[in-house]
N, C-alpha and C. Protein backbone atom coordinates (compact mmCIF):
# COMPACT_ATOMS: atom_id res chain seq x y z
N MET A 1 60.36 137.91 -52.85
CA MET A 1 61.13 138.66 -52.68
C MET A 1 61.77 139.76 -53.54
N MET A 2 61.60 141.05 -52.83
CA MET A 2 62.54 142.24 -54.00
C MET A 2 63.95 142.48 -53.83
N LYS A 3 63.70 142.70 -55.03
CA LYS A 3 65.35 142.85 -55.42
C LYS A 3 66.04 144.22 -54.76
N ASN A 4 67.27 144.24 -54.07
CA ASN A 4 67.87 145.44 -53.44
C ASN A 4 69.27 145.67 -53.96
N ILE A 5 69.36 144.59 -55.18
CA ILE A 5 71.03 144.30 -55.79
C ILE A 5 70.94 144.90 -56.62
N GLY A 6 71.76 146.29 -57.57
CA GLY A 6 72.16 146.33 -58.81
C GLY A 6 72.58 145.71 -59.38
N ASN A 7 72.77 146.26 -60.72
CA ASN A 7 73.87 145.20 -62.09
C ASN A 7 75.42 145.42 -61.37
N THR A 8 75.71 146.16 -61.13
CA THR A 8 76.91 146.53 -60.81
C THR A 8 77.49 145.87 -59.50
N ASP A 9 76.51 146.70 -58.83
CA ASP A 9 76.75 145.68 -57.32
C ASP A 9 76.76 143.65 -57.39
N ARG A 10 75.70 143.35 -58.29
CA ARG A 10 75.82 142.14 -58.51
C ARG A 10 76.81 141.69 -59.16
N ALA A 11 77.61 141.94 -60.41
CA ALA A 11 78.65 141.33 -60.83
C ALA A 11 79.69 141.28 -59.72
N LEU A 12 79.94 142.20 -58.72
CA LEU A 12 80.92 142.46 -58.25
C LEU A 12 81.22 141.36 -57.15
N ARG A 13 79.72 141.41 -56.65
CA ARG A 13 79.49 140.30 -55.38
C ARG A 13 80.11 138.95 -56.05
N ILE A 14 79.53 138.49 -57.19
CA ILE A 14 79.78 137.50 -58.07
C ILE A 14 80.89 137.27 -58.22
N PHE A 15 81.74 138.08 -58.50
CA PHE A 15 83.35 138.15 -59.05
C PHE A 15 83.88 137.82 -57.51
N ILE A 16 83.74 138.94 -57.13
CA ILE A 16 84.76 138.66 -55.51
C ILE A 16 84.52 137.47 -54.69
N GLY A 17 83.15 137.21 -54.84
CA GLY A 17 82.74 135.75 -54.01
C GLY A 17 83.49 134.52 -54.62
N SER A 18 83.26 134.65 -55.78
CA SER A 18 83.90 133.56 -56.69
C SER A 18 85.23 133.60 -56.41
N LEU A 19 86.16 134.56 -56.34
CA LEU A 19 87.47 134.46 -56.31
C LEU A 19 88.05 133.81 -54.87
N LEU A 20 87.10 134.30 -53.87
CA LEU A 20 87.32 133.76 -52.54
C LEU A 20 87.37 132.19 -52.67
N ILE A 21 86.10 132.23 -53.09
CA ILE A 21 85.97 130.26 -53.17
C ILE A 21 87.16 129.36 -54.02
N LEU A 22 87.65 130.17 -54.84
CA LEU A 22 88.54 129.64 -56.27
C LEU A 22 89.99 129.92 -54.99
N LEU A 23 90.23 130.83 -54.41
CA LEU A 23 91.56 131.12 -53.50
C LEU A 23 91.33 129.97 -52.40
N SER A 24 90.29 129.40 -51.92
CA SER A 24 89.96 128.15 -51.09
C SER A 24 90.28 127.10 -51.07
N LEU A 25 90.04 127.29 -52.39
CA LEU A 25 90.17 125.47 -53.15
C LEU A 25 91.67 125.37 -53.49
N LEU A 26 92.25 126.46 -53.60
CA LEU A 26 93.81 126.50 -54.15
C LEU A 26 94.54 126.33 -53.06
N ASN A 27 93.74 126.43 -51.62
CA ASN A 27 94.53 126.24 -50.41
C ASN A 27 95.10 127.70 -50.38
N ILE A 28 95.06 128.42 -50.78
CA ILE A 28 95.83 129.65 -50.62
C ILE A 28 95.33 131.09 -49.39
N ILE A 29 94.00 130.75 -49.33
CA ILE A 29 93.60 131.61 -47.95
C ILE A 29 92.91 130.67 -47.00
N GLY A 30 92.98 129.54 -47.17
CA GLY A 30 92.33 128.62 -46.02
C GLY A 30 90.86 128.63 -46.44
N PRO A 31 90.18 127.90 -45.49
CA PRO A 31 88.82 127.55 -45.31
C PRO A 31 87.86 128.74 -45.09
N LEU A 32 88.84 130.09 -45.05
CA LEU A 32 87.43 131.16 -45.03
C LEU A 32 87.39 131.71 -45.71
N GLY A 33 87.95 131.20 -47.16
CA GLY A 33 87.41 131.35 -48.74
C GLY A 33 86.06 131.47 -48.88
N TRP A 34 85.50 130.24 -47.97
CA TRP A 34 84.24 129.49 -48.63
C TRP A 34 83.29 130.84 -48.40
N LEU A 35 83.38 131.57 -47.46
CA LEU A 35 82.49 132.74 -47.21
C LEU A 35 82.28 133.45 -48.41
N GLY A 36 83.22 133.29 -49.51
CA GLY A 36 83.09 133.42 -50.72
C GLY A 36 81.39 133.19 -51.04
N LEU A 37 80.89 132.17 -50.52
CA LEU A 37 79.38 131.64 -50.86
C LEU A 37 78.38 132.95 -50.62
N ILE A 38 78.59 133.83 -49.54
CA ILE A 38 77.72 134.70 -49.52
C ILE A 38 77.20 135.62 -50.56
N PRO A 39 78.63 136.24 -50.95
CA PRO A 39 78.46 137.26 -51.66
C PRO A 39 77.83 136.49 -53.21
N VAL A 40 78.44 135.38 -53.32
CA VAL A 40 77.75 134.73 -54.34
C VAL A 40 76.26 134.40 -54.42
N ALA A 41 75.86 134.12 -53.24
CA ALA A 41 74.45 133.81 -53.10
C ALA A 41 73.49 134.73 -53.32
N THR A 42 74.21 136.21 -52.67
CA THR A 42 73.10 137.28 -52.57
C THR A 42 72.92 138.23 -54.32
N GLY A 43 74.58 137.77 -54.90
CA GLY A 43 74.74 138.36 -56.18
C GLY A 43 73.60 137.93 -57.13
N VAL A 44 73.22 136.44 -56.88
CA VAL A 44 72.66 135.42 -57.71
C VAL A 44 71.25 135.83 -57.80
N PHE A 45 70.97 136.20 -56.16
CA PHE A 45 69.56 135.87 -55.73
C PHE A 45 68.85 137.82 -56.28
N ARG A 46 69.84 138.49 -56.43
CA ARG A 46 69.86 139.84 -56.18
C ARG A 46 69.40 140.29 -55.02
N PHE A 47 69.58 140.03 -53.79
CA PHE A 47 68.60 140.12 -52.73
C PHE A 47 69.88 139.98 -51.34
N CYS A 48 70.00 141.10 -50.35
CA CYS A 48 70.85 141.28 -49.87
C CYS A 48 70.15 141.41 -48.11
N PRO A 49 70.24 140.80 -47.51
CA PRO A 49 69.03 140.70 -46.24
C PRO A 49 69.70 142.54 -45.05
N ALA A 50 71.42 142.19 -45.49
CA ALA A 50 71.75 143.31 -44.84
C ALA A 50 71.23 144.37 -45.44
N TYR A 51 71.45 144.93 -46.63
CA TYR A 51 70.89 145.88 -47.19
C TYR A 51 68.81 146.40 -46.51
N GLY A 52 68.64 145.13 -46.72
CA GLY A 52 66.89 145.00 -46.13
C GLY A 52 67.44 146.01 -44.85
N ILE A 53 67.98 145.40 -43.79
CA ILE A 53 67.90 145.95 -42.49
C ILE A 53 68.61 147.80 -42.68
N LEU A 54 69.43 147.98 -43.15
CA LEU A 54 70.10 149.12 -43.26
C LEU A 54 69.52 150.01 -44.29
N LYS A 55 68.00 149.49 -44.75
CA LYS A 55 67.37 150.35 -45.90
C LYS A 55 68.25 150.84 -46.90
N LEU A 56 69.18 150.08 -47.76
CA LEU A 56 69.86 150.19 -48.66
C LEU A 56 69.57 149.79 -49.92
N ASN A 57 69.79 150.42 -51.02
CA ASN A 57 69.51 149.51 -52.60
C ASN A 57 70.40 150.08 -53.64
N SER A 58 70.84 148.98 -54.22
CA SER A 58 71.52 149.44 -55.23
C SER A 58 71.05 149.82 -56.33
N CYS A 59 70.00 149.21 -56.62
CA CYS A 59 68.76 148.67 -57.81
C CYS A 59 68.48 150.34 -58.21
N PRO A 60 68.72 150.25 -59.71
CA PRO A 60 68.14 151.75 -60.39
C PRO A 60 66.58 152.17 -60.23
N VAL A 61 66.05 153.24 -59.89
CA VAL A 61 64.92 153.70 -59.95
C VAL A 61 63.98 153.22 -61.14
N ASP A 62 63.01 152.78 -61.45
CA ASP A 62 61.92 151.91 -62.28
C ASP A 62 61.44 153.82 -62.60
N THR A 63 61.44 154.13 -63.95
CA THR A 63 61.06 155.62 -64.20
C THR A 63 59.63 155.07 -65.00
N HIS A 64 59.63 153.97 -65.53
CA HIS A 64 58.46 153.34 -66.04
C HIS A 64 57.40 153.28 -65.71
N SER A 65 56.02 153.76 -65.23
CA SER A 65 55.30 153.47 -64.50
C SER A 65 53.82 152.32 -65.08
N THR A 66 53.59 151.49 -64.61
CA THR A 66 52.89 150.75 -65.26
C THR A 66 51.02 151.25 -65.01
N ASP A 67 51.08 152.21 -63.74
CA ASP A 67 50.18 152.71 -63.22
C ASP A 67 49.38 153.85 -64.30
N THR A 68 48.11 153.41 -64.63
CA THR A 68 47.27 154.44 -65.88
C THR A 68 46.22 155.09 -65.03
N HIS A 69 46.28 156.22 -65.10
CA HIS A 69 45.16 156.96 -64.38
C HIS A 69 44.57 157.63 -65.54
């Protein structure tokens, strides 16, 4: 599985997803807060299927080539 989520995107996904889950556990926003599992999972695995479909990528471009000619 190719990574398509960069560090900033990853941190935001994990933070916001965790916040939604916490608010759900505290019964502030109800059971829909469990949808926070989606951004947490995509942040942990550094892969977002929607990014793949939309051809988006927030990972930095690797400028170091391992190819030796």
